[in-house]
Structures are given as structure tokens and as C-alpha cells.
Amino acid sequence: MSLRYYFDQHVPKAIAIQLRLRGVDVLTAFEDGGHRLSDPDLLRRAGDLGRVLFSEDDDLLAIAAECQRNGAPFAGLIYGHQLNLPIGKAVSDLELLARCVEPEEFRNHIEFLPL
């Protein structure tokens, strides 16, 4: 099974559109109603759905790092700083991860983009 993504409200819609055109499973927080959730709840929501969270939000990065330090489980976080990650590079890196990494390998893991 390949990675399935949950995008927070900070991720440009163009990334989700391009990944879907490539057959990658993406659900956005706006589509799910998760854009109203706090950051910790958003990370939990992604895990509840069995999806890895992709975000450009520094606060979510800090929350996931705190989970790692405390041993609190989460489905995984991919972080890309919006000023250092062009949309095309985000799409290609996320597609590669979705096709090559198993969800179990990503649990409690933080990955930084670009790769």
C-alpha cells in the first residue's frame, strides 16, 4: 500500500491537483472540514484517517517533533518550507514518497522537503 496524504490548509491546492492527476491519494483539510481543527488535532486527524500529514506550517513541525520526543504516536509528517519548496518540486518529491514508502515506515517520522 502506498502513502496516502492529508494536506493542511497551508498547502497550495495546485499540489493536490497535480498529485491526483498522477494517481496519488490526497485529502485536504478543507475537503474534510479539518481546517477548523487546532494543529495537534489536525495531526491526530491525519493519523485517525491513516494518512501522512503534509504541511508548510512551522507549528505543526514543532508539534510532531514534540510527539517524537515524548513517544506519542502519529502517522508521520512531511514538512516543506513554503519559501524553499517550489510547487513542481513538492509534487515530484511527494509522488516519489507515495510510491516508494510504506505507511508503516513513516509512523512517528518527520521528512523534510525538498528531498
C-alpha atoms as a PDB file:
ATOM      1  CA  MET A   1       0.000   0.000   0.000  1.00  0.00           C
ATOM      2  CA  SER A   2       1.355   3.436  -0.853  1.00  0.00           C
ATOM      3  CA  LEU A   3       1.274   6.533   1.311  1.00  0.00           C
ATOM      4  CA  ARG A   4      -1.967   8.454   1.434  1.00  0.00           C
ATOM      5  CA  TYR A   5      -1.740  12.162   2.181  1.00  0.00           C
ATOM      6  CA  TYR A   6      -3.656  14.629   4.293  1.00  0.00           C
ATOM      7  CA  PHE A   7      -2.848  18.248   3.377  1.00  0.00           C
ATOM      8  CA  ASP A   8      -3.324  21.046   5.869  1.00  0.00           C
ATOM      9  CA  GLN A   9      -4.870  24.356   4.877  1.00  0.00           C
ATOM     10  CA  HIS A  10      -1.474  25.983   4.174  1.00  0.00           C
ATOM     11  CA  VAL A  11      -0.619  23.739   1.214  1.00  0.00           C
ATOM     12  CA  PRO A  12      -1.308  25.222  -2.237  1.00  0.00           C
ATOM     13  CA  LYS A  13      -4.227  23.500  -3.961  1.00  0.00           C
ATOM     14  CA  ALA A  14      -2.125  23.092  -7.118  1.00  0.00           C
ATOM     15  CA  ILE A  15      -0.009  20.449  -5.351  1.00  0.00           C
ATOM     16  CA  ALA A  16      -3.067  18.334  -4.534  1.00  0.00           C
ATOM     17  CA  ILE A  17      -4.411  18.710  -8.068  1.00  0.00           C
ATOM     18  CA  GLN A  18      -1.140  17.640  -9.699  1.00  0.00           C
ATOM     19  CA  LEU A  19      -0.704  14.660  -7.372  1.00  0.00           C
ATOM     20  CA  ARG A  20      -4.244  13.468  -8.039  1.00  0.00           C
ATOM     21  CA  LEU A  21      -3.582  13.652 -11.779  1.00  0.00           C
ATOM     22  CA  ARG A  22      -0.682  11.274 -11.095  1.00  0.00           C
ATOM     23  CA  GLY A  23      -2.891   8.859  -9.158  1.00  0.00           C
ATOM     24  CA  VAL A  24      -1.747   9.811  -5.646  1.00  0.00           C
ATOM     25  CA  ASP A  25      -4.395   9.679  -2.889  1.00  0.00           C
ATOM     26  CA  VAL A  26      -4.743  13.169  -1.367  1.00  0.00           C
ATOM     27  CA  LEU A  27      -7.360  14.520   1.036  1.00  0.00           C
ATOM     28  CA  THR A  28      -7.209  18.176   2.064  1.00  0.00           C
ATOM     29  CA  ALA A  29      -8.201  19.613   5.414  1.00  0.00           C
ATOM     30  CA  PHE A  30     -10.682  21.867   3.601  1.00  0.00           C
ATOM     31  CA  GLU A  31     -12.394  18.884   1.965  1.00  0.00           C
ATOM     32  CA  ASP A  32     -12.538  17.033   5.287  1.00  0.00           C
ATOM     33  CA  GLY A  33     -13.506  20.022   7.450  1.00  0.00           C
ATOM     34  CA  GLY A  34     -10.207  19.717   9.306  1.00  0.00           C
ATOM     35  CA  HIS A  35      -9.200  23.304   8.552  1.00  0.00           C
ATOM     36  CA  ARG A  36     -11.138  24.279  11.686  1.00  0.00           C
ATOM     37  CA  LEU A  37      -9.071  21.978  13.922  1.00  0.00           C
ATOM     38  CA  SER A  38      -6.173  23.024  16.124  1.00  0.00           C
ATOM     39  CA  ASP A  39      -2.747  21.915  14.934  1.00  0.00           C
ATOM     40  CA  PRO A  40      -2.455  19.000  17.423  1.00  0.00           C
ATOM     41  CA  ASP A  41      -5.952  17.835  16.455  1.00  0.00           C
ATOM     42  CA  LEU A  42      -5.056  18.105  12.767  1.00  0.00           C
ATOM     43  CA  LEU A  43      -2.055  15.826  13.286  1.00  0.00           C
ATOM     44  CA  ARG A  44      -4.277  13.360  15.164  1.00  0.00           C
ATOM     45  CA  ARG A  45      -6.958  13.569  12.465  1.00  0.00           C
ATOM     46  CA  ALA A  46      -4.453  12.606   9.778  1.00  0.00           C
ATOM     47  CA  GLY A  47      -3.445   9.591  11.860  1.00  0.00           C
ATOM     48  CA  ASP A  48      -7.056   8.612  12.510  1.00  0.00           C
ATOM     49  CA  LEU A  49      -7.569   8.568   8.744  1.00  0.00           C
ATOM     50  CA  GLY A  50      -4.384   6.559   8.167  1.00  0.00           C
ATOM     51  CA  ARG A  51      -2.788   9.416   6.247  1.00  0.00           C
ATOM     52  CA  VAL A  52       0.559  11.176   6.444  1.00  0.00           C
ATOM     53  CA  LEU A  53       0.194  14.902   7.042  1.00  0.00           C
ATOM     54  CA  PHE A  54       1.891  17.318   4.639  1.00  0.00           C
ATOM     55  CA  SER A  55       2.293  20.857   5.907  1.00  0.00           C
ATOM     56  CA  GLU A  56       4.185  24.075   5.378  1.00  0.00           C
ATOM     57  CA  ASP A  57       3.324  25.193   8.939  1.00  0.00           C
ATOM     58  CA  ASP A  58       6.245  25.557  11.373  1.00  0.00           C
ATOM     59  CA  ASP A  59       3.907  24.994  14.332  1.00  0.00           C
ATOM     60  CA  LEU A  60       2.943  21.522  13.087  1.00  0.00           C
ATOM     61  CA  LEU A  61       6.615  20.696  12.657  1.00  0.00           C
ATOM     62  CA  ALA A  62       7.228  21.629  16.306  1.00  0.00           C
ATOM     63  CA  ILE A  63       4.225  19.568  17.455  1.00  0.00           C
ATOM     64  CA  ALA A  64       5.381  16.476  15.538  1.00  0.00           C
ATOM     65  CA  ALA A  65       8.910  16.873  16.927  1.00  0.00           C
ATOM     66  CA  GLU A  66       7.437  17.065  20.442  1.00  0.00           C
ATOM     67  CA  CYS A  67       5.485  13.860  19.750  1.00  0.00           C
ATOM     68  CA  GLN A  68       8.745  12.170  18.761  1.00  0.00           C
ATOM     69  CA  ARG A  69      10.469  13.328  21.956  1.00  0.00           C
ATOM     70  CA  ASN A  70       7.564  12.159  24.132  1.00  0.00           C
ATOM     71  CA  GLY A  71       6.976   8.890  22.295  1.00  0.00           C
ATOM     72  CA  ALA A  72       3.453   9.957  21.309  1.00  0.00           C
ATOM     73  CA  PRO A  73       2.422   8.108  18.133  1.00  0.00           C
ATOM     74  CA  PHE A  74       1.490   9.893  14.916  1.00  0.00           C
ATOM     75  CA  ALA A  75       1.121   8.744  11.307  1.00  0.00           C
ATOM     76  CA  GLY A  76       4.012  10.858  10.050  1.00  0.00           C
ATOM     77  CA  LEU A  77       4.639  14.412   8.908  1.00  0.00           C
ATOM     78  CA  ILE A  78       6.175  15.756   5.738  1.00  0.00           C
ATOM     79  CA  TYR A  79       7.276  19.356   6.107  1.00  0.00           C
ATOM     80  CA  GLY A  80       8.185  21.733   3.322  1.00  0.00           C
ATOM     81  CA  HIS A  81       9.009  25.383   3.954  1.00  0.00           C
ATOM     82  CA  GLN A  82       6.898  27.401   1.552  1.00  0.00           C
ATOM     83  CA  LEU A  83       9.779  29.708   0.565  1.00  0.00           C
ATOM     84  CA  ASN A  84      12.166  26.843  -0.230  1.00  0.00           C
ATOM     85  CA  LEU A  85       9.845  24.410  -1.988  1.00  0.00           C
ATOM     86  CA  PRO A  86       8.598  25.190  -5.499  1.00  0.00           C
ATOM     87  CA  ILE A  87       5.288  23.538  -6.385  1.00  0.00           C
ATOM     88  CA  GLY A  88       6.826  21.322  -9.077  1.00  0.00           C
ATOM     89  CA  LYS A  89       9.478  20.013  -6.700  1.00  0.00           C
ATOM     90  CA  ALA A  90       6.853  19.385  -3.993  1.00  0.00           C
ATOM     91  CA  VAL A  91       4.773  17.380  -6.465  1.00  0.00           C
ATOM     92  CA  SER A  92       7.690  15.244  -7.663  1.00  0.00           C
ATOM     93  CA  ASP A  93       9.016  14.568  -4.141  1.00  0.00           C
ATOM     94  CA  LEU A  94       5.584  13.738  -2.717  1.00  0.00           C
ATOM     95  CA  GLU A  95       4.824  11.434  -5.648  1.00  0.00           C
ATOM     96  CA  LEU A  96       8.130   9.625  -5.141  1.00  0.00           C
ATOM     97  CA  LEU A  97       7.470   9.132  -1.418  1.00  0.00           C
ATOM     98  CA  ALA A  98       3.897   7.983  -2.040  1.00  0.00           C
ATOM     99  CA  ARG A  99       5.091   5.294  -4.437  1.00  0.00           C
ATOM    100  CA  CYS A 100       8.225   4.127  -2.605  1.00  0.00           C
ATOM    101  CA  VAL A 101       7.463   4.298   1.120  1.00  0.00           C
ATOM    102  CA  GLU A 102       5.058   2.125   3.094  1.00  0.00           C
ATOM    103  CA  PRO A 103       2.831   3.741   5.739  1.00  0.00           C
ATOM    104  CA  GLU A 104       4.410   1.623   8.491  1.00  0.00           C
ATOM    105  CA  GLU A 105       7.828   3.038   7.601  1.00  0.00           C
ATOM    106  CA  PHE A 106       6.536   6.567   8.077  1.00  0.00           C
ATOM    107  CA  ARG A 107       4.945   6.211  11.517  1.00  0.00           C
ATOM    108  CA  ASN A 108       6.405   8.690  14.012  1.00  0.00           C
ATOM    109  CA  HIS A 109       8.682  10.034  11.270  1.00  0.00           C
ATOM    110  CA  ILE A 110       9.280  13.579  10.049  1.00  0.00           C
ATOM    111  CA  GLU A 111      10.525  14.081   6.491  1.00  0.00           C
ATOM    112  CA  PHE A 112      11.731  17.397   5.119  1.00  0.00           C
ATOM    113  CA  LEU A 113      11.200  18.569   1.548  1.00  0.00           C
ATOM    114  CA  PRO A 114      12.849  19.101  -0.800  1.00  0.00           C
ATOM    115  CA  LEU A 115      14.436  15.651  -0.702  1.00  0.00           C
END
